[in-house]
Amino acid sequence: MDPMASEVLEAHGLDGSGHIACQLYDNLVYRADLVLGVERAHVKMLKEQVPQASERIFLLDRCNGRDIPDPYRQQRPAFDRAYDMIDVAVKSWLPDLSSESGA
């Protein structure tokens, strides 16, 4: 994880030390109940690559339909902005995820 990303997570009381990056292979998409992409181009590519799972692939920011820009190699404000956008987008999914799990 980028050290700046880790710093932003820590500032919000989150621990990213257990994060492990990996390639997104088709079999991971097949097994997933939900796949959320941060950019429309990612969503489009995944739907083309794994059309059988297209009904489970969505844009993370479904409320505004915006891409969440990758802050890699940028300064702290870009990471803070990405965090804020991700936070809002994830919270918009929580009611649906809770109802799916029976909670």
PDB file of N, CA and C in Angstrom:
ATOM      1  N   MET A   1       0.850  -1.176   0.000  1.00  0.00           N
ATOM      2  CA  MET A   1       0.000   0.000   0.000  1.00  0.00           C
ATOM      3  C   MET A   1       0.891   1.234   0.000  1.00  0.00           C
ATOM      4  N   ASP A   2       0.472   2.198  -0.756  1.00  0.00           N
ATOM      5  CA  ASP A   2       1.197   3.470  -0.792  1.00  0.00           C
ATOM      6  C   ASP A   2       1.252   4.045   0.625  1.00  0.00           C
ATOM      7  N   PRO A   3       2.421   4.502   1.066  1.00  0.00           N
ATOM      8  CA  PRO A   3       2.526   5.054   2.425  1.00  0.00           C
ATOM      9  C   PRO A   3       1.544   6.196   2.693  1.00  0.00           C
ATOM     10  N   MET A   4       1.264   7.009   1.689  1.00  0.00           N
ATOM     11  CA  MET A   4       0.317   8.105   1.879  1.00  0.00           C
ATOM     12  C   MET A   4      -1.094   7.562   2.097  1.00  0.00           C
ATOM     13  N   ALA A   5      -1.464   6.506   1.387  1.00  0.00           N
ATOM     14  CA  ALA A   5      -2.775   5.880   1.584  1.00  0.00           C
ATOM     15  C   ALA A   5      -2.884   5.341   3.003  1.00  0.00           C
ATOM     16  N   SER A   6      -1.834   4.705   3.470  1.00  0.00           N
ATOM     17  CA  SER A   6      -1.804   4.177   4.827  1.00  0.00           C
ATOM     18  C   SER A   6      -1.956   5.306   5.847  1.00  0.00           C
ATOM     19  N   GLU A   7      -1.290   6.406   5.594  1.00  0.00           N
ATOM     20  CA  GLU A   7      -1.364   7.566   6.480  1.00  0.00           C
ATOM     21  C   GLU A   7      -2.790   8.123   6.541  1.00  0.00           C
ATOM     22  N   VAL A   8      -3.445   8.205   5.407  1.00  0.00           N
ATOM     23  CA  VAL A   8      -4.826   8.712   5.359  1.00  0.00           C
ATOM     24  C   VAL A   8      -5.757   7.754   6.107  1.00  0.00           C
ATOM     25  N   LEU A   9      -5.588   6.460   5.904  1.00  0.00           N
ATOM     26  CA  LEU A   9      -6.412   5.498   6.630  1.00  0.00           C
ATOM     27  C   LEU A   9      -6.220   5.644   8.135  1.00  0.00           C
ATOM     28  N   GLU A  10      -4.977   5.734   8.570  1.00  0.00           N
ATOM     29  CA  GLU A  10      -4.689   5.894   9.997  1.00  0.00           C
ATOM     30  C   GLU A  10      -5.329   7.165  10.549  1.00  0.00           C
ATOM     31  N   ALA A  11      -5.329   8.234   9.769  1.00  0.00           N
ATOM     32  CA  ALA A  11      -5.944   9.494  10.206  1.00  0.00           C
ATOM     33  C   ALA A  11      -7.452   9.332  10.423  1.00  0.00           C
ATOM     34  N   HIS A  12      -8.039   8.329   9.778  1.00  0.00           N
ATOM     35  CA  HIS A  12      -9.471   8.061   9.930  1.00  0.00           C
ATOM     36  C   HIS A  12      -9.722   6.866  10.853  1.00  0.00           C
ATOM     37  N   GLY A  13      -8.704   6.453  11.580  1.00  0.00           N
ATOM     38  CA  GLY A  13      -8.851   5.378  12.548  1.00  0.00           C
ATOM     39  C   GLY A  13      -8.919   3.994  11.943  1.00  0.00           C
ATOM     40  N   LEU A  14      -8.395   3.844  10.731  1.00  0.00           N
ATOM     41  CA  LEU A  14      -8.418   2.549  10.056  1.00  0.00           C
ATOM     42  C   LEU A  14      -7.011   1.993   9.913  1.00  0.00           C
ATOM     43  N   ASP A  15      -6.914   0.677   9.910  1.00  0.00           N
ATOM     44  CA  ASP A  15      -5.621   0.001   9.794  1.00  0.00           C
ATOM     45  C   ASP A  15      -5.551  -0.739   8.465  1.00  0.00           C
ATOM     46  N   GLY A  16      -4.686  -0.287   7.585  1.00  0.00           N
ATOM     47  CA  GLY A  16      -4.533  -0.933   6.288  1.00  0.00           C
ATOM     48  C   GLY A  16      -3.386  -1.911   6.229  1.00  0.00           C
ATOM     49  N   SER A  17      -2.799  -2.239   7.363  1.00  0.00           N
ATOM     50  CA  SER A  17      -1.597  -3.078   7.359  1.00  0.00           C
ATOM     51  C   SER A  17      -1.858  -4.489   6.848  1.00  0.00           C
ATOM     52  N   GLY A  18      -3.090  -4.955   6.894  1.00  0.00           N
ATOM     53  CA  GLY A  18      -3.402  -6.296   6.416  1.00  0.00           C
ATOM     54  C   GLY A  18      -3.728  -6.346   4.937  1.00  0.00           C
ATOM     55  N   HIS A  19      -3.683  -5.196   4.274  1.00  0.00           N
ATOM     56  CA  HIS A  19      -4.023  -5.141   2.847  1.00  0.00           C
ATOM     57  C   HIS A  19      -2.988  -5.876   2.009  1.00  0.00           C
ATOM     58  N   ILE A  20      -3.487  -6.701   1.099  1.00  0.00           N
ATOM     59  CA  ILE A  20      -2.624  -7.403   0.151  1.00  0.00           C
ATOM     60  C   ILE A  20      -3.214  -7.208  -1.239  1.00  0.00           C
ATOM     61  N   ALA A  21      -2.465  -6.591  -2.114  1.00  0.00           N
ATOM     62  CA  ALA A  21      -2.924  -6.372  -3.484  1.00  0.00           C
ATOM     63  C   ALA A  21      -2.801  -7.667  -4.282  1.00  0.00           C
ATOM     64  N   CYS A  22      -3.715  -7.849  -5.230  1.00  0.00           N
ATOM     65  CA  CYS A  22      -3.627  -9.010  -6.118  1.00  0.00           C
ATOM     66  C   CYS A  22      -4.299  -8.667  -7.437  1.00  0.00           C
ATOM     67  N   GLN A  23      -3.956  -9.416  -8.459  1.00  0.00           N
ATOM     68  CA  GLN A  23      -4.588  -9.255  -9.762  1.00  0.00           C
ATOM     69  C   GLN A  23      -6.029  -9.757  -9.680  1.00  0.00           C
ATOM     70  N   LEU A  24      -6.910  -9.097 -10.399  1.00  0.00           N
ATOM     71  CA  LEU A  24      -8.304  -9.509 -10.429  1.00  0.00           C
ATOM     72  C   LEU A  24      -8.493 -10.472 -11.600  1.00  0.00           C
ATOM     73  N   TYR A  25      -8.518 -11.735 -11.275  1.00  0.00           N
ATOM     74  CA  TYR A  25      -8.693 -12.769 -12.288  1.00  0.00           C
ATOM     75  C   TYR A  25     -10.163 -13.103 -12.459  1.00  0.00           C
ATOM     76  N   ASP A  26     -10.503 -13.653 -13.602  1.00  0.00           N
ATOM     77  CA  ASP A  26     -11.888 -13.997 -13.899  1.00  0.00           C
ATOM     78  C   ASP A  26     -12.521 -14.847 -12.803  1.00  0.00           C
ATOM     79  N   ASN A  27     -11.773 -15.824 -12.267  1.00  0.00           N
ATOM     80  CA  ASN A  27     -12.360 -16.706 -11.256  1.00  0.00           C
ATOM     81  C   ASN A  27     -12.738 -15.946  -9.989  1.00  0.00           C
ATOM     82  N   LEU A  28     -12.036 -14.876  -9.662  1.00  0.00           N
ATOM     83  CA  LEU A  28     -12.423 -14.055  -8.514  1.00  0.00           C
ATOM     84  C   LEU A  28     -13.744 -13.338  -8.794  1.00  0.00           C
ATOM     85  N   VAL A  29     -13.903 -12.868 -10.018  1.00  0.00           N
ATOM     86  CA  VAL A  29     -15.140 -12.189 -10.400  1.00  0.00           C
ATOM     87  C   VAL A  29     -16.303 -13.182 -10.392  1.00  0.00           C
ATOM     88  N   TYR A  30     -16.090 -14.382 -10.898  1.00  0.00           N
ATOM     89  CA  TYR A  30     -17.147 -15.402 -10.906  1.00  0.00           C
ATOM     90  C   TYR A  30     -17.621 -15.719  -9.488  1.00  0.00           C
ATOM     91  N   ARG A  31     -16.692 -15.773  -8.542  1.00  0.00           N
ATOM     92  CA  ARG A  31     -17.026 -16.151  -7.166  1.00  0.00           C
ATOM     93  C   ARG A  31     -17.629 -15.005  -6.365  1.00  0.00           C
ATOM     94  N   ALA A  32     -17.471 -13.782  -6.811  1.00  0.00           N
ATOM     95  CA  ALA A  32     -17.925 -12.625  -6.045  1.00  0.00           C
ATOM     96  C   ALA A  32     -19.434 -12.409  -6.173  1.00  0.00           C
ATOM     97  N   ASP A  33     -20.037 -11.999  -5.086  1.00  0.00           N
ATOM     98  CA  ASP A  33     -21.445 -11.613  -5.111  1.00  0.00           C
ATOM     99  C   ASP A  33     -21.619 -10.211  -5.682  1.00  0.00           C
ATOM    100  N   LEU A  34     -20.587  -9.383  -5.509  1.00  0.00           N
ATOM    101  CA  LEU A  34     -20.633  -7.992  -5.938  1.00  0.00           C
ATOM    102  C   LEU A  34     -19.218  -7.537  -6.262  1.00  0.00           C
ATOM    103  N   VAL A  35     -19.061  -6.861  -7.399  1.00  0.00           N
ATOM    104  CA  VAL A  35     -17.765  -6.313  -7.800  1.00  0.00           C
ATOM    105  C   VAL A  35     -17.976  -4.828  -8.051  1.00  0.00           C
ATOM    106  N   LEU A  36     -17.204  -3.989  -7.355  1.00  0.00           N
ATOM    107  CA  LEU A  36     -17.339  -2.544  -7.474  1.00  0.00           C
ATOM    108  C   LEU A  36     -16.059  -1.962  -8.044  1.00  0.00           C
ATOM    109  N   GLY A  37     -16.182  -1.260  -9.147  1.00  0.00           N
ATOM    110  CA  GLY A  37     -15.043  -0.601  -9.777  1.00  0.00           C
ATOM    111  C   GLY A  37     -15.044   0.872  -9.446  1.00  0.00           C
ATOM    112  N   VAL A  38     -13.876   1.478  -9.367  1.00  0.00           N
ATOM    113  CA  VAL A  38     -13.793   2.902  -9.023  1.00  0.00           C
ATOM    114  C   VAL A  38     -13.816   3.806 -10.246  1.00  0.00           C
ATOM    115  N   GLU A  39     -13.674   3.216 -11.433  1.00  0.00           N
ATOM    116  CA  GLU A  39     -13.727   4.002 -12.671  1.00  0.00           C
ATOM    117  C   GLU A  39     -14.657   3.304 -13.661  1.00  0.00           C
ATOM    118  N   ARG A  40     -15.395   4.109 -14.422  1.00  0.00           N
ATOM    119  CA  ARG A  40     -16.303   3.548 -15.429  1.00  0.00           C
ATOM    120  C   ARG A  40     -15.556   2.642 -16.409  1.00  0.00           C
ATOM    121  N   ALA A  41     -14.319   3.021 -16.735  1.00  0.00           N
ATOM    122  CA  ALA A  41     -13.531   2.193 -17.660  1.00  0.00           C
ATOM    123  C   ALA A  41     -13.256   0.814 -17.068  1.00  0.00           C
ATOM    124  N   HIS A  42     -13.039   0.753 -15.759  1.00  0.00           N
ATOM    125  CA  HIS A  42     -12.812  -0.543 -15.098  1.00  0.00           C
ATOM    126  C   HIS A  42     -14.067  -1.401 -15.179  1.00  0.00           C
ATOM    127  N   VAL A  43     -15.208  -0.789 -14.900  1.00  0.00           N
ATOM    128  CA  VAL A  43     -16.474  -1.515 -14.933  1.00  0.00           C
ATOM    129  C   VAL A  43     -16.738  -2.046 -16.339  1.00  0.00           C
ATOM    130  N   LYS A  44     -16.543  -1.210 -17.336  1.00  0.00           N
ATOM    131  CA  LYS A  44     -16.759  -1.611 -18.729  1.00  0.00           C
ATOM    132  C   LYS A  44     -15.835  -2.771 -19.110  1.00  0.00           C
ATOM    133  N   MET A  45     -14.559  -2.651 -18.747  1.00  0.00           N
ATOM    134  CA  MET A  45     -13.583  -3.698 -19.067  1.00  0.00           C
ATOM    135  C   MET A  45     -13.961  -5.019 -18.407  1.00  0.00           C
ATOM    136  N   LEU A  46     -14.353  -4.963 -17.126  1.00  0.00           N
ATOM    137  CA  LEU A  46     -14.716  -6.189 -16.417  1.00  0.00           C
ATOM    138  C   LEU A  46     -15.961  -6.835 -17.021  1.00  0.00           C
ATOM    139  N   LYS A  47     -16.939  -6.024 -17.380  1.00  0.00           N
ATOM    140  CA  LYS A  47     -18.155  -6.578 -17.986  1.00  0.00           C
ATOM    141  C   LYS A  47     -17.860  -7.222 -19.327  1.00  0.00           C
ATOM    142  N   GLU A  48     -16.917  -6.668 -20.069  1.00  0.00           N
ATOM    143  CA  GLU A  48     -16.523  -7.267 -21.348  1.00  0.00           C
ATOM    144  C   GLU A  48     -15.690  -8.524 -21.136  1.00  0.00           C
ATOM    145  N   GLN A  49     -14.847  -8.506 -20.115  1.00  0.00           N
ATOM    146  CA  GLN A  49     -13.960  -9.633 -19.835  1.00  0.00           C
ATOM    147  C   GLN A  49     -14.713 -10.813 -19.234  1.00  0.00           C
ATOM    148  N   VAL A  50     -15.704 -10.517 -18.392  1.00  0.00           N
ATOM    149  CA  VAL A  50     -16.457 -11.575 -17.715  1.00  0.00           C
ATOM    150  C   VAL A  50     -17.957 -11.282 -17.862  1.00  0.00           C
ATOM    151  N   PRO A  51     -18.483 -11.428 -19.078  1.00  0.00           N
ATOM    152  CA  PRO A  51     -19.883 -11.053 -19.309  1.00  0.00           C
ATOM    153  C   PRO A  51     -20.887 -11.855 -18.474  1.00  0.00           C
ATOM    154  N   GLN A  52     -20.524 -13.057 -18.083  1.00  0.00           N
ATOM    155  CA  GLN A  52     -21.426 -13.881 -17.274  1.00  0.00           C
ATOM    156  C   GLN A  52     -21.670 -13.268 -15.890  1.00  0.00           C
ATOM    157  N   ALA A  53     -20.803 -12.370 -15.467  1.00  0.00           N
ATOM    158  CA  ALA A  53     -20.933 -11.750 -14.144  1.00  0.00           C
ATOM    159  C   ALA A  53     -21.359 -10.284 -14.240  1.00  0.00           C
ATOM    160  N   SER A  54     -21.717  -9.825 -15.427  1.00  0.00           N
ATOM    161  CA  SER A  54     -21.972  -8.401 -15.627  1.00  0.00           C
ATOM    162  C   SER A  54     -23.088  -7.850 -14.744  1.00  0.00           C
ATOM    163  N   GLU A  55     -24.039  -8.703 -14.359  1.00  0.00           N
ATOM    164  CA  GLU A  55     -25.129  -8.228 -13.492  1.00  0.00           C
ATOM    165  C   GLU A  55     -24.673  -7.987 -12.048  1.00  0.00           C
ATOM    166  N   ARG A  56     -23.432  -8.342 -11.734  1.00  0.00           N
ATOM    167  CA  ARG A  56     -22.890  -8.137 -10.384  1.00  0.00           C
ATOM    168  C   ARG A  56     -21.751  -7.120 -10.363  1.00  0.00           C
ATOM    169  N   ILE A  57     -21.518  -6.445 -11.469  1.00  0.00           N
ATOM    170  CA  ILE A  57     -20.414  -5.492 -11.588  1.00  0.00           C
ATOM    171  C   ILE A  57     -20.988  -4.082 -11.710  1.00  0.00           C
ATOM    172  N   PHE A  58     -20.570  -3.212 -10.795  1.00  0.00           N
ATOM    173  CA  PHE A  58     -21.118  -1.856 -10.755  1.00  0.00           C
ATOM    174  C   PHE A  58     -20.014  -0.839 -10.469  1.00  0.00           C
ATOM    175  N   LEU A  59     -20.339   0.410 -10.721  1.00  0.00           N
ATOM    176  CA  LEU A  59     -19.473   1.524 -10.357  1.00  0.00           C
ATOM    177  C   LEU A  59     -19.648   1.789  -8.867  1.00  0.00           C
ATOM    178  N   LEU A  60     -18.548   1.978  -8.154  1.00  0.00           N
ATOM    179  CA  LEU A  60     -18.620   2.229  -6.715  1.00  0.00           C
ATOM    180  C   LEU A  60     -19.460   3.469  -6.419  1.00  0.00           C
ATOM    181  N   ASP A  61     -19.223   4.561  -7.134  1.00  0.00           N
ATOM    182  CA  ASP A  61     -19.981   5.791  -6.915  1.00  0.00           C
ATOM    183  C   ASP A  61     -21.244   5.773  -7.763  1.00  0.00           C
ATOM    184  N   ARG A  62     -22.188   4.967  -7.331  1.00  0.00           N
ATOM    185  CA  ARG A  62     -23.417   4.813  -8.110  1.00  0.00           C
ATOM    186  C   ARG A  62     -24.347   6.012  -7.976  1.00  0.00           C
ATOM    187  N   CYS A  63     -24.230   6.785  -6.902  1.00  0.00           N
ATOM    188  CA  CYS A  63     -25.122   7.935  -6.704  1.00  0.00           C
ATOM    189  C   CYS A  63     -24.797   9.072  -7.669  1.00  0.00           C
ATOM    190  N   ASN A  64     -23.519   9.381  -7.815  1.00  0.00           N
ATOM    191  CA  ASN A  64     -23.103  10.481  -8.683  1.00  0.00           C
ATOM    192  C   ASN A  64     -22.575  10.013 -10.032  1.00  0.00           C
ATOM    193  N   GLY A  65     -22.283   8.721 -10.142  1.00  0.00           N
ATOM    194  CA  GLY A  65     -21.772   8.173 -11.391  1.00  0.00           C
ATOM    195  C   GLY A  65     -20.391   8.686 -11.764  1.00  0.00           C
ATOM    196  N   ARG A  66     -19.630   9.082 -10.747  1.00  0.00           N
ATOM    197  CA  ARG A  66     -18.297   9.656 -10.998  1.00  0.00           C
ATOM    198  C   ARG A  66     -17.207   8.608 -10.828  1.00  0.00           C
ATOM    199  N   ASP A  67     -16.160   8.781 -11.608  1.00  0.00           N
ATOM    200  CA  ASP A  67     -14.939   8.015 -11.382  1.00  0.00           C
ATOM    201  C   ASP A  67     -14.270   8.556 -10.124  1.00  0.00           C
ATOM    202  N   ILE A  68     -13.621   7.679  -9.405  1.00  0.00           N
ATOM    203  CA  ILE A  68     -12.815   8.096  -8.259  1.00  0.00           C
ATOM    204  C   ILE A  68     -11.372   8.071  -8.733  1.00  0.00           C
ATOM    205  N   PRO A  69     -10.760   9.251  -8.837  1.00  0.00           N
ATOM    206  CA  PRO A  69      -9.409   9.311  -9.411  1.00  0.00           C
ATOM    207  C   PRO A  69      -8.363   8.644  -8.517  1.00  0.00           C
ATOM    208  N   ASP A  70      -7.445   7.952  -9.168  1.00  0.00           N
ATOM    209  CA  ASP A  70      -6.342   7.288  -8.471  1.00  0.00           C
ATOM    210  C   ASP A  70      -5.345   8.346  -8.008  1.00  0.00           C
ATOM    211  N   PRO A  71      -5.096   8.435  -6.709  1.00  0.00           N
ATOM    212  CA  PRO A  71      -4.181   9.464  -6.203  1.00  0.00           C
ATOM    213  C   PRO A  71      -2.703   9.079  -6.251  1.00  0.00           C
ATOM    214  N   TYR A  72      -2.397   7.910  -6.802  1.00  0.00           N
ATOM    215  CA  TYR A  72      -1.020   7.416  -6.823  1.00  0.00           C
ATOM    216  C   TYR A  72      -0.039   8.478  -7.324  1.00  0.00           C
ATOM    217  N   ARG A  73       1.052   8.639  -6.589  1.00  0.00           N
ATOM    218  CA  ARG A  73       2.133   9.593  -6.886  1.00  0.00           C
ATOM    219  C   ARG A  73       1.700  11.053  -6.796  1.00  0.00           C
ATOM    220  N   GLN A  74       0.618  11.301  -6.097  1.00  0.00           N
ATOM    221  CA  GLN A  74       0.171  12.669  -5.881  1.00  0.00           C
ATOM    222  C   GLN A  74       0.367  13.051  -4.416  1.00  0.00           C
ATOM    223  N   GLN A  75       0.040  14.277  -4.110  1.00  0.00           N
ATOM    224  CA  GLN A  75       0.203  14.788  -2.756  1.00  0.00           C
ATOM    225  C   GLN A  75      -0.989  14.391  -1.876  1.00  0.00           C
ATOM    226  N   ARG A  76      -0.856  14.623  -0.597  1.00  0.00           N
ATOM    227  CA  ARG A  76      -1.865  14.233   0.397  1.00  0.00           C
ATOM    228  C   ARG A  76      -3.285  14.689   0.040  1.00  0.00           C
ATOM    229  N   PRO A  77      -3.503  15.912  -0.449  1.00  0.00           N
ATOM    230  CA  PRO A  77      -4.887  16.310  -0.753  1.00  0.00           C
ATOM    231  C   PRO A  77      -5.595  15.378  -1.743  1.00  0.00           C
ATOM    232  N   ALA A  78      -4.865  14.824  -2.688  1.00  0.00           N
ATOM    233  CA  ALA A  78      -5.473  13.888  -3.640  1.00  0.00           C
ATOM    234  C   ALA A  78      -5.907  12.607  -2.936  1.00  0.00           C
ATOM    235  N   PHE A  79      -5.122  12.144  -1.982  1.00  0.00           N
ATOM    236  CA  PHE A  79      -5.473  10.948  -1.208  1.00  0.00           C
ATOM    237  C   PHE A  79      -6.670  11.227  -0.305  1.00  0.00           C
ATOM    238  N   ASP A  80      -6.691  12.409   0.305  1.00  0.00           N
ATOM    239  CA  ASP A  80      -7.828  12.783   1.153  1.00  0.00           C
ATOM    240  C   ASP A  80      -9.110  12.850   0.334  1.00  0.00           C
ATOM    241  N   ARG A  81      -9.033  13.425  -0.857  1.00  0.00           N
ATOM    242  CA  ARG A  81     -10.210  13.530  -1.724  1.00  0.00           C
ATOM    243  C   ARG A  81     -10.690  12.143  -2.141  1.00  0.00           C
ATOM    244  N   ALA A  82      -9.769  11.275  -2.529  1.00  0.00           N
ATOM    245  CA  ALA A  82     -10.144   9.909  -2.907  1.00  0.00           C
ATOM    246  C   ALA A  82     -10.788   9.187  -1.728  1.00  0.00           C
ATOM    247  N   TYR A  83     -10.213   9.342  -0.548  1.00  0.00           N
ATOM    248  CA  TYR A  83     -10.790   8.710   0.648  1.00  0.00           C
ATOM    249  C   TYR A  83     -12.219   9.188   0.862  1.00  0.00           C
ATOM    250  N   ASP A  84     -12.417  10.503   0.803  1.00  0.00           N
ATOM    251  CA  ASP A  84     -13.752  11.063   1.032  1.00  0.00           C
ATOM    252  C   ASP A  84     -14.755  10.539   0.010  1.00  0.00           C
ATOM    253  N   MET A  85     -14.342  10.470  -1.248  1.00  0.00           N
ATOM    254  CA  MET A  85     -15.239   9.966  -2.298  1.00  0.00           C
ATOM    255  C   MET A  85     -15.566   8.486  -2.075  1.00  0.00           C
ATOM    256  N   ILE A  86     -14.569   7.708  -1.711  1.00  0.00           N
ATOM    257  CA  ILE A  86     -14.778   6.281  -1.454  1.00  0.00           C
ATOM    258  C   ILE A  86     -15.683   6.092  -0.241  1.00  0.00           C
ATOM    259  N   ASP A  87     -15.463   6.876   0.798  1.00  0.00           N
ATOM    260  CA  ASP A  87     -16.263   6.776   2.014  1.00  0.00           C
ATOM    261  C   ASP A  87     -17.742   7.017   1.713  1.00  0.00           C
ATOM    262  N   VAL A  88     -18.042   8.078   0.994  1.00  0.00           N
ATOM    263  CA  VAL A  88     -19.430   8.392   0.642  1.00  0.00           C
ATOM    264  C   VAL A  88     -20.021   7.285  -0.226  1.00  0.00           C
ATOM    265  N   ALA A  89     -19.253   6.826  -1.210  1.00  0.00           N
ATOM    266  CA  ALA A  89     -19.746   5.801  -2.125  1.00  0.00           C
ATOM    267  C   ALA A  89     -20.013   4.485  -1.401  1.00  0.00           C
ATOM    268  N   VAL A  90     -19.109   4.075  -0.536  1.00  0.00           N
ATOM    269  CA  VAL A  90     -19.298   2.821   0.204  1.00  0.00           C
ATOM    270  C   VAL A  90     -20.531   2.920   1.102  1.00  0.00           C
ATOM    271  N   LYS A  91     -20.691   4.043   1.762  1.00  0.00           N
ATOM    272  CA  LYS A  91     -21.855   4.212   2.647  1.00  0.00           C
ATOM    273  C   LYS A  91     -23.161   4.125   1.865  1.00  0.00           C
ATOM    274  N   SER A  92     -23.152   4.527   0.594  1.00  0.00           N
ATOM    275  CA  SER A  92     -24.379   4.439  -0.207  1.00  0.00           C
ATOM    276  C   SER A  92     -24.756   2.991  -0.500  1.00  0.00           C
ATOM    277  N   TRP A  93     -23.795   2.079  -0.460  1.00  0.00           N
ATOM    278  CA  TRP A  93     -24.056   0.660  -0.717  1.00  0.00           C
ATOM    279  C   TRP A  93     -24.504  -0.090   0.537  1.00  0.00           C
ATOM    280  N   LEU A  94     -24.190   0.426   1.699  1.00  0.00           N
ATOM    281  CA  LEU A  94     -24.439  -0.330   2.945  1.00  0.00           C
ATOM    282  C   LEU A  94     -25.882  -0.771   3.151  1.00  0.00           C
ATOM    283  N   PRO A  95     -26.889   0.069   2.901  1.00  0.00           N
ATOM    284  CA  PRO A  95     -28.265  -0.425   3.091  1.00  0.00           C
ATOM    285  C   PRO A  95     -28.585  -1.641   2.232  1.00  0.00           C
ATOM    286  N   ASP A  96     -28.096  -1.653   1.004  1.00  0.00           N
ATOM    287  CA  ASP A  96     -28.352  -2.798   0.129  1.00  0.00           C
ATOM    288  C   ASP A  96     -27.610  -4.041   0.596  1.00  0.00           C
ATOM    289  N   LEU A  97     -26.412  -3.853   1.066  1.00  0.00           N
ATOM    290  CA  LEU A  97     -25.619  -4.990   1.519  1.00  0.00           C
ATOM    291  C   LEU A  97     -26.195  -5.570   2.796  1.00  0.00           C
ATOM    292  N   SER A  98     -26.681  -4.714   3.674  1.00  0.00           N
ATOM    293  CA  SER A  98     -27.296  -5.191   4.926  1.00  0.00           C
ATOM    294  C   SER A  98     -28.561  -5.983   4.640  1.00  0.00           C
ATOM    295  N   SER A  99     -29.385  -5.523   3.684  1.00  0.00           N
ATOM    296  CA  SER A  99     -30.618  -6.236   3.382  1.00  0.00           C
ATOM    297  C   SER A  99     -30.324  -7.573   2.710  1.00  0.00           C
ATOM    298  N   GLU A 100     -29.240  -7.648   1.935  1.00  0.00           N
ATOM    299  CA  GLU A 100     -28.860  -8.909   1.276  1.00  0.00           C
ATOM    300  C   GLU A 100     -28.400  -9.946   2.286  1.00  0.00           C
ATOM    301  N   SER A 101     -27.723  -9.483   3.353  1.00  0.00           N
ATOM    302  CA  SER A 101     -27.171 -10.428   4.325  1.00  0.00           C
ATOM    303  C   SER A 101     -28.208 -10.829   5.374  1.00  0.00           C
ATOM    304  N   GLY A 102     -29.385 -10.198   5.329  1.00  0.00           N
ATOM    305  CA  GLY A 102     -30.414 -10.545   6.294  1.00  0.00           C
ATOM    306  C   GLY A 102     -30.298  -9.773   7.585  1.00  0.00           C
ATOM    307  N   ALA A 103     -29.384  -8.804   7.644  1.00  0.00           N
ATOM    308  CA  ALA A 103     -29.204  -8.024   8.873  1.00  0.00           C
ATOM    309  C   ALA A 103     -30.274  -6.976   9.022  1.00  0.00           C
TER     310      ALA A 103
END
